[in-house]
Amino acid sequence: MKDIIDAVRHTVRSDPAQSNNMLQVRKWTPLDTAAMYVMIMARRELASGENHIYRGVLSAKGHGYRNVAEHAIKRLIAGGKLSEDAAKIERHEMGQEIAGAG
């Protein structure tokens, strides 16, 4: 998912204060910071409707984005940056975004 990596790079370059805040103030690891950005970008792609066959049904690429988002969520849980309850909410919201897009 090169486009997610490119989007994360663009976001970090255009707003370095946000990533500096996560790394220096919040003391997040670079891996956790990257996982958060990846989750956000993957969810943005899923909500766009561009990766659906039709409303609520993901294309193969859309399933890839969903898998990437899920791996990022698991990383954030493992890093202690996202609780299980918060992850459940993220997954639920992601499912609603997928169902409403396309």
PDB file of N, CA and C in Angstrom:
ATOM      1  N   MET A   1       0.818  -1.176   0.000  1.00  0.00           N
ATOM      2  CA  MET A   1       0.000   0.000   0.000  1.00  0.00           C
ATOM      3  C   MET A   1       0.875   1.258   0.000  1.00  0.00           C
ATOM      4  N   LYS A   2       1.582   1.397  -1.080  1.00  0.00           N
ATOM      5  CA  LYS A   2       2.495   2.518  -1.235  1.00  0.00           C
ATOM      6  C   LYS A   2       1.794   3.867  -1.085  1.00  0.00           C
ATOM      7  N   ASP A   3       0.540   3.939  -1.515  1.00  0.00           N
ATOM      8  CA  ASP A   3      -0.168   5.220  -1.422  1.00  0.00           C
ATOM      9  C   ASP A   3      -0.396   5.645   0.026  1.00  0.00           C
ATOM     10  N   ILE A   4      -0.560   4.691   0.931  1.00  0.00           N
ATOM     11  CA  ILE A   4      -0.694   5.043   2.350  1.00  0.00           C
ATOM     12  C   ILE A   4       0.626   5.593   2.870  1.00  0.00           C
ATOM     13  N   ILE A   5       1.713   4.937   2.517  1.00  0.00           N
ATOM     14  CA  ILE A   5       3.034   5.401   2.949  1.00  0.00           C
ATOM     15  C   ILE A   5       3.299   6.799   2.407  1.00  0.00           C
ATOM     16  N   ASP A   6       2.960   7.014   1.137  1.00  0.00           N
ATOM     17  CA  ASP A   6       3.139   8.344   0.548  1.00  0.00           C
ATOM     18  C   ASP A   6       2.284   9.392   1.265  1.00  0.00           C
ATOM     19  N   ALA A   7       1.049   9.031   1.612  1.00  0.00           N
ATOM     20  CA  ALA A   7       0.169   9.963   2.314  1.00  0.00           C
ATOM     21  C   ALA A   7       0.709  10.279   3.708  1.00  0.00           C
ATOM     22  N   VAL A   8       1.247   9.271   4.391  1.00  0.00           N
ATOM     23  CA  VAL A   8       1.832   9.495   5.714  1.00  0.00           C
ATOM     24  C   VAL A   8       3.036  10.427   5.588  1.00  0.00           C
ATOM     25  N   ARG A   9       3.891  10.171   4.628  1.00  0.00           N
ATOM     26  CA  ARG A   9       5.054  11.050   4.419  1.00  0.00           C
ATOM     27  C   ARG A   9       4.626  12.490   4.173  1.00  0.00           C
ATOM     28  N   HIS A  10       3.633  12.650   3.318  1.00  0.00           N
ATOM     29  CA  HIS A  10       3.146  13.995   3.009  1.00  0.00           C
ATOM     30  C   HIS A  10       2.606  14.681   4.268  1.00  0.00           C
ATOM     31  N   THR A  11       1.846  13.944   5.056  1.00  0.00           N
ATOM     32  CA  THR A  11       1.260  14.506   6.275  1.00  0.00           C
ATOM     33  C   THR A  11       2.347  14.925   7.256  1.00  0.00           C
ATOM     34  N   VAL A  12       3.337  14.070   7.436  1.00  0.00           N
ATOM     35  CA  VAL A  12       4.421  14.377   8.378  1.00  0.00           C
ATOM     36  C   VAL A  12       5.218  15.581   7.902  1.00  0.00           C
ATOM     37  N   ARG A  13       5.475  15.641   6.604  1.00  0.00           N
ATOM     38  CA  ARG A  13       6.240  16.772   6.067  1.00  0.00           C
ATOM     39  C   ARG A  13       5.455  18.077   6.113  1.00  0.00           C
ATOM     40  N   SER A  14       4.154  17.992   5.894  1.00  0.00           N
ATOM     41  CA  SER A  14       3.367  19.224   5.865  1.00  0.00           C
ATOM     42  C   SER A  14       2.987  19.713   7.263  1.00  0.00           C
ATOM     43  N   ASP A  15       3.026  18.821   8.272  1.00  0.00           N
ATOM     44  CA  ASP A  15       2.706  19.221   9.644  1.00  0.00           C
ATOM     45  C   ASP A  15       3.654  18.522  10.619  1.00  0.00           C
ATOM     46  N   PRO A  16       4.937  18.890  10.580  1.00  0.00           N
ATOM     47  CA  PRO A  16       5.904  18.216  11.454  1.00  0.00           C
ATOM     48  C   PRO A  16       5.637  18.445  12.940  1.00  0.00           C
ATOM     49  N   ALA A  17       4.947  19.506  13.287  1.00  0.00           N
ATOM     50  CA  ALA A  17       4.661  19.777  14.699  1.00  0.00           C
ATOM     51  C   ALA A  17       3.825  18.658  15.315  1.00  0.00           C
ATOM     52  N   GLN A  18       2.894  18.105  14.537  1.00  0.00           N
ATOM     53  CA  GLN A  18       2.053  17.021  15.046  1.00  0.00           C
ATOM     54  C   GLN A  18       2.882  15.784  15.371  1.00  0.00           C
ATOM     55  N   SER A  19       3.759  15.381  14.463  1.00  0.00           N
ATOM     56  CA  SER A  19       4.584  14.200  14.740  1.00  0.00           C
ATOM     57  C   SER A  19       5.600  14.484  15.837  1.00  0.00           C
ATOM     58  N   ASN A  20       6.132  15.694  15.883  1.00  0.00           N
ATOM     59  CA  ASN A  20       7.031  16.054  16.985  1.00  0.00           C
ATOM     60  C   ASN A  20       6.306  15.974  18.324  1.00  0.00           C
ATOM     61  N   ASN A  21       5.057  16.407  18.353  1.00  0.00           N
ATOM     62  CA  ASN A  21       4.259  16.318  19.568  1.00  0.00           C
ATOM     63  C   ASN A  21       4.111  14.854  20.007  1.00  0.00           C
ATOM     64  N   MET A  22       3.799  14.003  19.059  1.00  0.00           N
ATOM     65  CA  MET A  22       3.617  12.586  19.396  1.00  0.00           C
ATOM     66  C   MET A  22       4.920  11.965  19.892  1.00  0.00           C
ATOM     67  N   LEU A  23       6.009  12.299  19.243  1.00  0.00           N
ATOM     68  CA  LEU A  23       7.296  11.681  19.579  1.00  0.00           C
ATOM     69  C   LEU A  23       7.939  12.285  20.821  1.00  0.00           C
ATOM     70  N   GLN A  24       7.934  13.604  20.932  1.00  0.00           N
ATOM     71  CA  GLN A  24       8.677  14.254  22.007  1.00  0.00           C
ATOM     72  C   GLN A  24       7.828  14.561  23.241  1.00  0.00           C
ATOM     73  N   VAL A  25       6.602  15.014  23.028  1.00  0.00           N
ATOM     74  CA  VAL A  25       5.763  15.384  24.167  1.00  0.00           C
ATOM     75  C   VAL A  25       5.052  14.156  24.728  1.00  0.00           C
ATOM     76  N   ARG A  26       4.407  13.410  23.850  1.00  0.00           N
ATOM     77  CA  ARG A  26       3.671  12.226  24.298  1.00  0.00           C
ATOM     78  C   ARG A  26       4.569  11.011  24.521  1.00  0.00           C
ATOM     79  N   LYS A  27       5.801  11.096  24.021  1.00  0.00           N
ATOM     80  CA  LYS A  27       6.794  10.016  24.165  1.00  0.00           C
ATOM     81  C   LYS A  27       6.375   8.719  23.455  1.00  0.00           C
ATOM     82  N   TRP A  28       5.724   8.869  22.318  1.00  0.00           N
ATOM     83  CA  TRP A  28       5.378   7.711  21.514  1.00  0.00           C
ATOM     84  C   TRP A  28       6.629   7.231  20.787  1.00  0.00           C
ATOM     85  N   THR A  29       6.694   5.954  20.518  1.00  0.00           N
ATOM     86  CA  THR A  29       7.787   5.418  19.712  1.00  0.00           C
ATOM     87  C   THR A  29       7.524   5.779  18.243  1.00  0.00           C
ATOM     88  N   PRO A  30       8.554   5.795  17.421  1.00  0.00           N
ATOM     89  CA  PRO A  30       8.327   6.030  15.989  1.00  0.00           C
ATOM     90  C   PRO A  30       7.372   4.994  15.380  1.00  0.00           C
ATOM     91  N   LEU A  31       7.466   3.745  15.831  1.00  0.00           N
ATOM     92  CA  LEU A  31       6.589   2.699  15.308  1.00  0.00           C
ATOM     93  C   LEU A  31       5.122   2.980  15.660  1.00  0.00           C
ATOM     94  N   ASP A  32       4.863   3.377  16.898  1.00  0.00           N
ATOM     95  CA  ASP A  32       3.495   3.687  17.299  1.00  0.00           C
ATOM     96  C   ASP A  32       2.974   4.927  16.571  1.00  0.00           C
ATOM     97  N   THR A  33       3.837   5.911  16.400  1.00  0.00           N
ATOM     98  CA  THR A  33       3.450   7.125  15.675  1.00  0.00           C
ATOM     99  C   THR A  33       3.092   6.775  14.231  1.00  0.00           C
ATOM    100  N   ALA A  34       3.932   5.978  13.596  1.00  0.00           N
ATOM    101  CA  ALA A  34       3.658   5.558  12.217  1.00  0.00           C
ATOM    102  C   ALA A  34       2.367   4.752  12.142  1.00  0.00           C
ATOM    103  N   ALA A  35       2.144   3.871  13.119  1.00  0.00           N
ATOM    104  CA  ALA A  35       0.918   3.062  13.126  1.00  0.00           C
ATOM    105  C   ALA A  35      -0.319   3.945  13.216  1.00  0.00           C
ATOM    106  N   MET A  36      -0.256   4.981  14.018  1.00  0.00           N
ATOM    107  CA  MET A  36      -1.406   5.889  14.136  1.00  0.00           C
ATOM    108  C   MET A  36      -1.685   6.578  12.800  1.00  0.00           C
ATOM    109  N   TYR A  37      -0.636   7.094  12.168  1.00  0.00           N
ATOM    110  CA  TYR A  37      -0.812   7.738  10.869  1.00  0.00           C
ATOM    111  C   TYR A  37      -1.347   6.747   9.836  1.00  0.00           C
ATOM    112  N   VAL A  38      -0.818   5.534   9.826  1.00  0.00           N
ATOM    113  CA  VAL A  38      -1.262   4.519   8.865  1.00  0.00           C
ATOM    114  C   VAL A  38      -2.735   4.193   9.094  1.00  0.00           C
ATOM    115  N   MET A  39      -3.131   4.042  10.348  1.00  0.00           N
ATOM    116  CA  MET A  39      -4.536   3.753  10.642  1.00  0.00           C
ATOM    117  C   MET A  39      -5.436   4.880  10.123  1.00  0.00           C
ATOM    118  N   ILE A  40      -5.042   6.109  10.380  1.00  0.00           N
ATOM    119  CA  ILE A  40      -5.835   7.256   9.938  1.00  0.00           C
ATOM    120  C   ILE A  40      -5.952   7.281   8.419  1.00  0.00           C
ATOM    121  N   MET A  41      -4.834   7.083   7.723  1.00  0.00           N
ATOM    122  CA  MET A  41      -4.848   7.140   6.261  1.00  0.00           C
ATOM    123  C   MET A  41      -5.638   5.973   5.668  1.00  0.00           C
ATOM    124  N   ALA A  42      -5.513   4.788   6.233  1.00  0.00           N
ATOM    125  CA  ALA A  42      -6.267   3.636   5.733  1.00  0.00           C
ATOM    126  C   ALA A  42      -7.763   3.863   5.936  1.00  0.00           C
ATOM    127  N   ARG A  43      -8.149   4.395   7.094  1.00  0.00           N
ATOM    128  CA  ARG A  43      -9.565   4.688   7.340  1.00  0.00           C
ATOM    129  C   ARG A  43     -10.069   5.748   6.374  1.00  0.00           C
ATOM    130  N   ARG A  44      -9.242   6.729   6.084  1.00  0.00           N
ATOM    131  CA  ARG A  44      -9.641   7.771   5.128  1.00  0.00           C
ATOM    132  C   ARG A  44      -9.920   7.153   3.757  1.00  0.00           C
ATOM    133  N   GLU A  45      -9.060   6.242   3.326  1.00  0.00           N
ATOM    134  CA  GLU A  45      -9.264   5.560   2.044  1.00  0.00           C
ATOM    135  C   GLU A  45     -10.542   4.730   2.056  1.00  0.00           C
ATOM    136  N   LEU A  46     -10.785   4.029   3.170  1.00  0.00           N
ATOM    137  CA  LEU A  46     -11.981   3.194   3.271  1.00  0.00           C
ATOM    138  C   LEU A  46     -13.258   4.030   3.253  1.00  0.00           C
ATOM    139  N   ALA A  47     -13.216   5.195   3.856  1.00  0.00           N
ATOM    140  CA  ALA A  47     -14.394   6.059   3.923  1.00  0.00           C
ATOM    141  C   ALA A  47     -14.654   6.804   2.615  1.00  0.00           C
ATOM    142  N   SER A  48     -13.650   6.828   1.733  1.00  0.00           N
ATOM    143  CA  SER A  48     -13.780   7.608   0.503  1.00  0.00           C
ATOM    144  C   SER A  48     -14.763   6.999  -0.495  1.00  0.00           C
ATOM    145  N   GLY A  49     -14.985   5.696  -0.402  1.00  0.00           N
ATOM    146  CA  GLY A  49     -15.841   5.021  -1.379  1.00  0.00           C
ATOM    147  C   GLY A  49     -15.113   4.612  -2.640  1.00  0.00           C
ATOM    148  N   GLU A  50     -13.858   5.015  -2.765  1.00  0.00           N
ATOM    149  CA  GLU A  50     -13.071   4.702  -3.958  1.00  0.00           C
ATOM    150  C   GLU A  50     -12.617   3.244  -4.005  1.00  0.00           C
ATOM    151  N   ASN A  51     -12.736   2.544  -2.908  1.00  0.00           N
ATOM    152  CA  ASN A  51     -12.228   1.175  -2.817  1.00  0.00           C
ATOM    153  C   ASN A  51     -13.354   0.180  -2.537  1.00  0.00           C
ATOM    154  N   HIS A  52     -14.504   0.465  -3.143  1.00  0.00           N
ATOM    155  CA  HIS A  52     -15.690  -0.374  -3.004  1.00  0.00           C
ATOM    156  C   HIS A  52     -16.108  -0.902  -4.378  1.00  0.00           C
ATOM    157  N   ILE A  53     -16.718  -2.072  -4.377  1.00  0.00           N
ATOM    158  CA  ILE A  53     -17.335  -2.593  -5.600  1.00  0.00           C
ATOM    159  C   ILE A  53     -18.665  -1.881  -5.783  1.00  0.00           C
ATOM    160  N   TYR A  54     -19.420  -1.813  -4.707  1.00  0.00           N
ATOM    161  CA  TYR A  54     -20.627  -0.998  -4.623  1.00  0.00           C
ATOM    162  C   TYR A  54     -20.854  -0.692  -3.152  1.00  0.00           C
ATOM    163  N   ARG A  55     -21.894   0.081  -2.832  1.00  0.00           N
ATOM    164  CA  ARG A  55     -22.091   0.579  -1.464  1.00  0.00           C
ATOM    165  C   ARG A  55     -21.963  -0.537  -0.433  1.00  0.00           C
ATOM    166  N   GLY A  56     -21.007  -0.319   0.485  1.00  0.00           N
ATOM    167  CA  GLY A  56     -20.818  -1.232   1.601  1.00  0.00           C
ATOM    168  C   GLY A  56     -19.996  -2.472   1.300  1.00  0.00           C
ATOM    169  N   VAL A  57     -19.599  -2.677   0.053  1.00  0.00           N
ATOM    170  CA  VAL A  57     -18.838  -3.872  -0.316  1.00  0.00           C
ATOM    171  C   VAL A  57     -17.463  -3.452  -0.837  1.00  0.00           C
ATOM    172  N   LEU A  58     -16.436  -3.861  -0.110  1.00  0.00           N
ATOM    173  CA  LEU A  58     -15.075  -3.471  -0.473  1.00  0.00           C
ATOM    174  C   LEU A  58     -14.563  -4.241  -1.675  1.00  0.00           C
ATOM    175  N   SER A  59     -13.742  -3.580  -2.465  1.00  0.00           N
ATOM    176  CA  SER A  59     -13.003  -4.238  -3.539  1.00  0.00           C
ATOM    177  C   SER A  59     -11.811  -4.965  -2.912  1.00  0.00           C
ATOM    178  N   ALA A  60     -11.047  -5.669  -3.717  1.00  0.00           N
ATOM    179  CA  ALA A  60      -9.850  -6.346  -3.206  1.00  0.00           C
ATOM    180  C   ALA A  60      -8.892  -5.326  -2.586  1.00  0.00           C
ATOM    181  N   LYS A  61      -8.724  -4.198  -3.252  1.00  0.00           N
ATOM    182  CA  LYS A  61      -7.861  -3.148  -2.713  1.00  0.00           C
ATOM    183  C   LYS A  61      -8.434  -2.618  -1.396  1.00  0.00           C
ATOM    184  N   GLY A  62      -9.740  -2.480  -1.320  1.00  0.00           N
ATOM    185  CA  GLY A  62     -10.387  -2.043  -0.093  1.00  0.00           C
ATOM    186  C   GLY A  62     -10.144  -3.006   1.054  1.00  0.00           C
ATOM    187  N   HIS A  63     -10.198  -4.300   0.770  1.00  0.00           N
ATOM    188  CA  HIS A  63      -9.890  -5.295   1.810  1.00  0.00           C
ATOM    189  C   HIS A  63      -8.436  -5.153   2.268  1.00  0.00           C
ATOM    190  N   GLY A  64      -7.564  -4.816   1.334  1.00  0.00           N
ATOM    191  CA  GLY A  64      -6.167  -4.576   1.702  1.00  0.00           C
ATOM    192  C   GLY A  64      -6.047  -3.406   2.670  1.00  0.00           C
ATOM    193  N   TYR A  65      -6.765  -2.322   2.388  1.00  0.00           N
ATOM    194  CA  TYR A  65      -6.758  -1.176   3.292  1.00  0.00           C
ATOM    195  C   TYR A  65      -7.311  -1.551   4.666  1.00  0.00           C
ATOM    196  N   ARG A  66      -8.364  -2.356   4.663  1.00  0.00           N
ATOM    197  CA  ARG A  66      -8.942  -2.766   5.940  1.00  0.00           C
ATOM    198  C   ARG A  66      -7.939  -3.600   6.737  1.00  0.00           C
ATOM    199  N   ASN A  67      -7.221  -4.500   6.053  1.00  0.00           N
ATOM    200  CA  ASN A  67      -6.195  -5.299   6.730  1.00  0.00           C
ATOM    201  C   ASN A  67      -5.078  -4.428   7.281  1.00  0.00           C
ATOM    202  N   VAL A  68      -4.666  -3.438   6.509  1.00  0.00           N
ATOM    203  CA  VAL A  68      -3.628  -2.514   6.965  1.00  0.00           C
ATOM    204  C   VAL A  68      -4.104  -1.758   8.202  1.00  0.00           C
ATOM    205  N   ALA A  69      -5.343  -1.276   8.174  1.00  0.00           N
ATOM    206  CA  ALA A  69      -5.895  -0.561   9.324  1.00  0.00           C
ATOM    207  C   ALA A  69      -5.949  -1.477  10.547  1.00  0.00           C
ATOM    208  N   GLU A  70      -6.341  -2.716  10.340  1.00  0.00           N
ATOM    209  CA  GLU A  70      -6.424  -3.669  11.457  1.00  0.00           C
ATOM    210  C   GLU A  70      -5.044  -3.943  12.050  1.00  0.00           C
ATOM    211  N   HIS A  71      -4.043  -4.108  11.212  1.00  0.00           N
ATOM    212  CA  HIS A  71      -2.678  -4.315  11.720  1.00  0.00           C
ATOM    213  C   HIS A  71      -2.200  -3.092  12.498  1.00  0.00           C
ATOM    214  N   ALA A  72      -2.535  -1.909  12.019  1.00  0.00           N
ATOM    215  CA  ALA A  72      -2.153  -0.685  12.733  1.00  0.00           C
ATOM    216  C   ALA A  72      -2.846  -0.619  14.094  1.00  0.00           C
ATOM    217  N   ILE A  73      -4.123  -0.989  14.139  1.00  0.00           N
ATOM    218  CA  ILE A  73      -4.852  -1.016  15.413  1.00  0.00           C
ATOM    219  C   ILE A  73      -4.193  -1.987  16.376  1.00  0.00           C
ATOM    220  N   LYS A  74      -3.848  -3.167  15.886  1.00  0.00           N
ATOM    221  CA  LYS A  74      -3.186  -4.162  16.751  1.00  0.00           C
ATOM    222  C   LYS A  74      -1.849  -3.642  17.264  1.00  0.00           C
ATOM    223  N   ARG A  75      -1.108  -2.920  16.427  1.00  0.00           N
ATOM    224  CA  ARG A  75       0.171  -2.346  16.846  1.00  0.00           C
ATOM    225  C   ARG A  75      -0.051  -1.310  17.944  1.00  0.00           C
ATOM    226  N   LEU A  76      -1.063  -0.489  17.778  1.00  0.00           N
ATOM    227  CA  LEU A  76      -1.355   0.534  18.779  1.00  0.00           C
ATOM    228  C   LEU A  76      -1.787  -0.088  20.104  1.00  0.00           C
ATOM    229  N   ILE A  77      -2.515  -1.182  20.052  1.00  0.00           N
ATOM    230  CA  ILE A  77      -2.883  -1.904  21.279  1.00  0.00           C
ATOM    231  C   ILE A  77      -1.632  -2.468  21.934  1.00  0.00           C
ATOM    232  N   ALA A  78      -0.796  -3.125  21.134  1.00  0.00           N
ATOM    233  CA  ALA A  78       0.437  -3.732  21.665  1.00  0.00           C
ATOM    234  C   ALA A  78       1.362  -2.685  22.271  1.00  0.00           C
ATOM    235  N   GLY A  79       1.370  -1.498  21.696  1.00  0.00           N
ATOM    236  CA  GLY A  79       2.217  -0.421  22.201  1.00  0.00           C
ATOM    237  C   GLY A  79       1.598   0.342  23.363  1.00  0.00           C
ATOM    238  N   GLY A  80       0.394  -0.049  23.756  1.00  0.00           N
ATOM    239  CA  GLY A  80      -0.277   0.615  24.868  1.00  0.00           C
ATOM    240  C   GLY A  80      -0.843   1.979  24.515  1.00  0.00           C
ATOM    241  N   LYS A  81      -0.985   2.272  23.243  1.00  0.00           N
ATOM    242  CA  LYS A  81      -1.483   3.575  22.810  1.00  0.00           C
ATOM    243  C   LYS A  81      -2.977   3.571  22.526  1.00  0.00           C
ATOM    244  N   LEU A  82      -3.574   2.385  22.463  1.00  0.00           N
ATOM    245  CA  LEU A  82      -4.996   2.247  22.196  1.00  0.00           C
ATOM    246  C   LEU A  82      -5.506   1.111  23.076  1.00  0.00           C
ATOM    247  N   SER A  83      -6.530   1.400  23.855  1.00  0.00           N
ATOM    248  CA  SER A  83      -7.110   0.356  24.708  1.00  0.00           C
ATOM    249  C   SER A  83      -7.980  -0.576  23.858  1.00  0.00           C
ATOM    250  N   GLU A  84      -8.308  -1.721  24.415  1.00  0.00           N
ATOM    251  CA  GLU A  84      -9.202  -2.653  23.714  1.00  0.00           C
ATOM    252  C   GLU A  84     -10.551  -1.992  23.451  1.00  0.00           C
ATOM    253  N   ASP A  85     -11.045  -1.223  24.421  1.00  0.00           N
ATOM    254  CA  ASP A  85     -12.330  -0.534  24.241  1.00  0.00           C
ATOM    255  C   ASP A  85     -12.253   0.497  23.119  1.00  0.00           C
ATOM    256  N   ALA A  86     -11.175   1.259  23.092  1.00  0.00           N
ATOM    257  CA  ALA A  86     -10.997   2.250  22.028  1.00  0.00           C
ATOM    258  C   ALA A  86     -10.842   1.556  20.675  1.00  0.00           C
ATOM    259  N   ALA A  87     -10.154   0.418  20.645  1.00  0.00           N
ATOM    260  CA  ALA A  87      -9.994  -0.338  19.402  1.00  0.00           C
ATOM    261  C   ALA A  87     -11.344  -0.847  18.908  1.00  0.00           C
ATOM    262  N   LYS A  88     -12.177  -1.272  19.823  1.00  0.00           N
ATOM    263  CA  LYS A  88     -13.519  -1.741  19.459  1.00  0.00           C
ATOM    264  C   LYS A  88     -14.310  -0.605  18.816  1.00  0.00           C
ATOM    265  N   ILE A  89     -14.189   0.583  19.375  1.00  0.00           N
ATOM    266  CA  ILE A  89     -14.868   1.751  18.812  1.00  0.00           C
ATOM    267  C   ILE A  89     -14.310   2.072  17.427  1.00  0.00           C
ATOM    268  N   GLU A  90     -12.988   2.046  17.283  1.00  0.00           N
ATOM    269  CA  GLU A  90     -12.362   2.302  15.971  1.00  0.00           C
ATOM    270  C   GLU A  90     -12.876   1.316  14.932  1.00  0.00           C
ATOM    271  N   ARG A  91     -12.922   0.046  15.299  1.00  0.00           N
ATOM    272  CA  ARG A  91     -13.391  -0.991  14.360  1.00  0.00           C
ATOM    273  C   ARG A  91     -14.858  -0.779  13.998  1.00  0.00           C
ATOM    274  N   HIS A  92     -15.657  -0.429  14.988  1.00  0.00           N
ATOM    275  CA  HIS A  92     -17.080  -0.197  14.737  1.00  0.00           C
ATOM    276  C   HIS A  92     -17.266   0.997  13.796  1.00  0.00           C
ATOM    277  N   GLU A  93     -16.574   2.092  14.087  1.00  0.00           N
ATOM    278  CA  GLU A  93     -16.672   3.285  13.239  1.00  0.00           C
ATOM    279  C   GLU A  93     -16.183   2.991  11.823  1.00  0.00           C
ATOM    280  N   MET A  94     -15.110   2.215  11.727  1.00  0.00           N
ATOM    281  CA  MET A  94     -14.582   1.859  10.410  1.00  0.00           C
ATOM    282  C   MET A  94     -15.630   1.049   9.645  1.00  0.00           C
ATOM    283  N   GLY A  95     -16.284   0.109  10.316  1.00  0.00           N
ATOM    284  CA  GLY A  95     -17.330  -0.679   9.683  1.00  0.00           C
ATOM    285  C   GLY A  95     -18.493   0.180   9.198  1.00  0.00           C
ATOM    286  N   GLN A  96     -18.867   1.171  10.002  1.00  0.00           N
ATOM    287  CA  GLN A  96     -19.938   2.088   9.603  1.00  0.00           C
ATOM    288  C   GLN A  96     -19.518   2.925   8.398  1.00  0.00           C
ATOM    289  N   GLU A  97     -18.283   3.372   8.385  1.00  0.00           N
ATOM    290  CA  GLU A  97     -17.789   4.163   7.246  1.00  0.00           C
ATOM    291  C   GLU A  97     -17.795   3.326   5.976  1.00  0.00           C
ATOM    292  N   ILE A  98     -17.384   2.064   6.093  1.00  0.00           N
ATOM    293  CA  ILE A  98     -17.366   1.169   4.940  1.00  0.00           C
ATOM    294  C   ILE A  98     -18.794   0.936   4.438  1.00  0.00           C
ATOM    295  N   ALA A  99     -19.709   0.684   5.377  1.00  0.00           N
ATOM    296  CA  ALA A  99     -21.094   0.407   5.004  1.00  0.00           C
ATOM    297  C   ALA A  99     -21.757   1.603   4.308  1.00  0.00           C
ATOM    298  N   GLY A 100     -21.351   2.795   4.673  1.00  0.00           N
ATOM    299  CA  GLY A 100     -21.982   3.983   4.118  1.00  0.00           C
ATOM    300  C   GLY A 100     -21.328   4.526   2.861  1.00  0.00           C
ATOM    301  N   ALA A 101     -20.211   3.956   2.494  1.00  0.00           N
ATOM    302  CA  ALA A 101     -19.471   4.483   1.326  1.00  0.00           C
ATOM    303  C   ALA A 101     -19.589   3.538   0.144  1.00  0.00           C
ATOM    304  N   GLY A 102     -19.268   4.068  -1.000  1.00  0.00           N
ATOM    305  CA  GLY A 102     -19.226   3.237  -2.209  1.00  0.00           C
ATOM    306  C   GLY A 102     -20.229   3.644  -3.238  1.00  0.00           C
TER     307      GLY A 102
END
